[in-house]
Amino acid sequence: MNIRNSKTGLVASIHLHGSEGGGTLKLVETAELVEMKGLRGDTRYFGRRSRSTGEPTKRQVTLIERETLVSHATALGIGTIAPGLARSNFETTGIDLIAAVGRQLRIGTAVLEVVEARTPCEKMDAIAPGLRQRMEPPGQGILARVVTTGIVRVGDVVEVL
C-alpha cells in the first residue's frame, strides 16, 4: 500500500542551512516562513535573488518525504539517512510531494507554491555512493516559494490546496 497517496501529511523535521555551502544543517522545532524570502534563519538561502532576473529565487524552501529517504537508504544498504542529512528544509511523512508540483501547500500557518522537482547535487553521493542517482526523478523532493508568511512546527499538517 502506498502511504504517500494522501493530500495531507505531517512535518517530520525542520532544518536550516548555515552560511557556508555544504555545512551541517541545524535541526529546529519551529521556523518562520517569510513571503517571497524563505525561512528566517536559513542564512544561506533566505532572501536570495535570481542572478538572471533579480526576482526572488524559486529555491526558498526545499522539502522531501521521509518515506523516499527510507526507500533510498534501504536500496543502498546504508541503514538510515539521518534527519537533515539530505539537505532539505522540511522532511515530511504521509504525503506525495512530487504530485504537488504546480500547486500550493499549506504548512502550519504558511502557504507555499510548489515550483518544481528538486535537482539532486553531488553532496548526495557523499552521504552514500549512488544516492544522487537514486534521487533523480521522481525520488528527489521539491522546491517551493513562500506565498504567505507563517509559522511551521514539527508535527504540523502539510496539505495540498
Protein backbone atom coordinates (compact mmCIF):
# COMPACT_ATOMS: atom_id res chain seq x y z
CA MET A 1 0.00 0.00 0.00
CA ASN A 2 1.32 3.49 -0.87
CA ILE A 3 1.19 5.55 2.32
CA ARG A 4 2.07 8.71 0.39
CA ASN A 5 -1.08 8.86 -1.72
CA SER A 6 -2.74 11.36 0.58
CA LYS A 7 -3.09 15.09 0.01
CA THR A 8 -2.11 15.61 3.64
CA GLY A 9 0.93 14.69 5.65
CA LEU A 10 3.00 15.91 8.59
CA VAL A 11 6.20 17.86 9.12
CA ALA A 12 8.67 15.29 10.48
CA SER A 13 11.66 17.64 10.93
CA ILE A 14 12.83 21.18 10.08
CA HIS A 15 16.39 22.14 9.09
CA LEU A 16 18.17 25.44 8.45
CA HIS A 17 21.28 25.92 6.29
CA GLY A 18 24.23 27.78 7.74
CA SER A 19 26.08 30.44 5.78
CA GLU A 20 28.67 28.04 4.34
CA GLY A 21 27.77 25.68 1.50
CA GLY A 22 27.93 22.03 2.47
CA GLY A 23 27.86 22.70 6.22
CA THR A 24 25.72 20.75 8.65
CA LEU A 25 22.08 21.83 8.78
CA LYS A 26 20.66 22.99 12.11
CA LEU A 27 17.68 20.99 13.40
CA VAL A 28 14.91 23.24 14.81
CA GLU A 29 11.42 22.64 16.19
CA THR A 30 9.82 25.82 14.77
CA ALA A 31 10.50 28.02 11.76
CA GLU A 32 9.11 31.28 10.41
CA LEU A 33 8.50 31.31 6.66
CA VAL A 34 8.56 34.81 5.16
CA GLU A 35 6.68 35.68 1.97
CA MET A 36 8.96 35.58 -1.10
CA LYS A 37 12.10 35.20 1.09
CA GLY A 38 12.13 31.71 2.62
CA LEU A 39 12.92 30.51 6.14
CA ARG A 40 14.10 33.14 8.58
CA GLY A 41 17.42 31.92 9.97
CA ASP A 42 18.33 29.92 6.86
CA THR A 43 21.35 32.13 6.26
CA ARG A 44 22.44 30.51 3.00
CA TYR A 45 19.14 30.94 1.11
CA PHE A 46 16.94 33.48 2.97
CA GLY A 47 16.12 36.42 0.71
CA ARG A 48 18.26 35.12 -2.16
CA ARG A 49 17.51 36.55 -5.61
CA SER A 50 17.97 35.05 -9.08
CA ARG A 51 21.17 36.21 -10.74
CA SER A 52 19.47 36.28 -14.14
CA THR A 53 16.19 38.04 -13.28
CA GLY A 54 16.78 39.77 -9.94
CA GLU A 55 13.48 38.27 -8.76
CA PRO A 56 13.18 36.16 -5.60
CA THR A 57 14.66 32.72 -6.25
CA LYS A 58 12.47 29.66 -6.72
CA ARG A 59 14.64 27.84 -4.16
CA GLN A 60 13.27 29.41 -0.99
CA VAL A 61 12.21 26.16 0.69
CA THR A 62 13.08 22.52 -0.04
CA LEU A 63 11.02 19.53 1.04
CA ILE A 64 11.44 15.76 0.80
CA GLU A 65 9.46 12.79 2.10
CA ARG A 66 10.97 10.61 4.82
CA GLU A 67 9.47 7.59 3.06
CA THR A 68 11.60 8.40 0.00
CA LEU A 69 14.73 8.65 2.13
CA VAL A 70 13.95 5.31 3.81
CA SER A 71 13.50 3.71 0.38
CA HIS A 72 16.83 5.10 -0.85
CA ALA A 73 18.68 4.02 2.30
CA THR A 74 17.22 0.51 2.07
CA ALA A 75 18.12 0.16 -1.62
CA LEU A 76 21.68 1.34 -0.94
CA GLY A 77 22.05 -0.83 2.18
CA ILE A 78 23.03 2.08 4.44
CA GLY A 79 20.52 1.72 7.26
CA THR A 80 19.10 5.23 7.61
CA ILE A 81 19.62 8.76 6.35
CA ALA A 82 19.60 10.99 9.43
CA PRO A 83 17.19 13.96 9.53
CA GLY A 84 18.69 16.93 7.68
CA LEU A 85 21.44 14.93 6.01
CA ALA A 86 19.65 15.09 2.62
CA ARG A 87 19.83 18.90 2.92
CA SER A 88 16.09 19.69 2.76
CA ASN A 89 14.48 22.33 4.94
CA PHE A 90 11.48 20.11 5.67
CA GLU A 91 11.20 16.36 5.85
CA THR A 92 7.59 15.17 5.69
CA THR A 93 5.64 11.95 6.15
CA GLY A 94 2.42 10.71 4.57
CA ILE A 95 2.23 12.99 1.51
CA ASP A 96 3.34 12.68 -2.12
CA LEU A 97 5.20 15.97 -2.62
CA ILE A 98 6.06 15.41 -6.32
CA ALA A 99 2.31 15.22 -7.06
CA ALA A 100 2.03 18.77 -5.63
CA VAL A 101 4.28 20.41 -8.27
CA GLY A 102 2.35 23.36 -9.71
CA ARG A 103 0.04 23.50 -6.66
CA GLN A 104 0.10 25.20 -3.29
CA LEU A 105 0.77 23.64 0.11
CA ARG A 106 -0.38 24.87 3.49
CA ILE A 107 2.18 24.01 6.16
CA GLY A 108 1.34 25.26 9.63
CA THR A 109 0.11 28.82 9.03
CA ALA A 110 2.26 29.37 5.90
CA VAL A 111 1.37 28.76 2.26
CA LEU A 112 3.95 27.64 -0.31
CA GLU A 113 3.85 27.48 -4.11
CA VAL A 114 5.48 24.24 -5.27
CA VAL A 115 7.66 25.33 -8.20
CA GLU A 116 9.41 22.17 -9.39
CA ALA A 117 11.12 18.93 -8.51
CA ARG A 118 14.50 19.36 -6.84
CA THR A 119 17.69 18.52 -8.73
CA PRO A 120 19.97 16.34 -6.57
CA CYS A 121 23.55 17.56 -6.19
CA GLU A 122 26.90 15.79 -5.78
CA LYS A 123 26.63 16.15 -1.98
CA MET A 124 24.17 13.25 -2.04
CA ASP A 125 26.93 10.85 -3.12
CA ALA A 126 28.97 11.98 -0.10
CA ILE A 127 26.15 10.56 2.06
CA ALA A 128 26.23 7.27 0.13
CA PRO A 129 27.60 6.38 -3.30
CA GLY A 130 24.64 6.07 -5.68
CA LEU A 131 22.29 8.29 -3.66
CA ARG A 132 22.40 11.12 -6.20
CA GLN A 133 21.31 8.75 -8.98
CA ARG A 134 18.50 7.33 -6.81
CA MET A 135 17.31 10.90 -6.18
CA GLU A 136 16.75 11.59 -9.86
CA PRO A 137 13.02 11.93 -10.74
CA PRO A 138 10.79 11.04 -9.02
CA GLY A 139 12.84 10.47 -5.83
CA GLN A 140 14.28 13.87 -5.06
CA GLY A 141 11.89 16.22 -3.28
CA ILE A 142 10.65 19.66 -4.33
CA LEU A 143 11.46 23.38 -4.43
CA ALA A 144 8.90 25.93 -3.24
CA ARG A 145 8.35 29.66 -2.79
CA VAL A 146 6.68 31.19 0.25
CA VAL A 147 3.35 32.78 -0.78
CA THR A 148 2.00 33.57 2.71
CA THR A 149 4.14 34.26 5.78
CA GLY A 150 3.55 31.88 8.68
CA ILE A 151 4.94 29.66 11.42
CA VAL A 152 5.67 25.95 10.98
CA ARG A 153 6.32 23.46 13.76
CA VAL A 154 7.39 19.83 13.76
CA GLY A 155 4.14 17.82 13.71
CA ASP A 156 2.16 20.42 11.74
CA VAL A 157 -0.08 19.27 8.91
CA VAL A 158 1.13 19.60 5.29
CA GLU A 159 -1.88 19.96 2.97
CA VAL A 160 -2.19 20.28 -0.80
CA LEU A 161 -4.58 23.15 -1.55
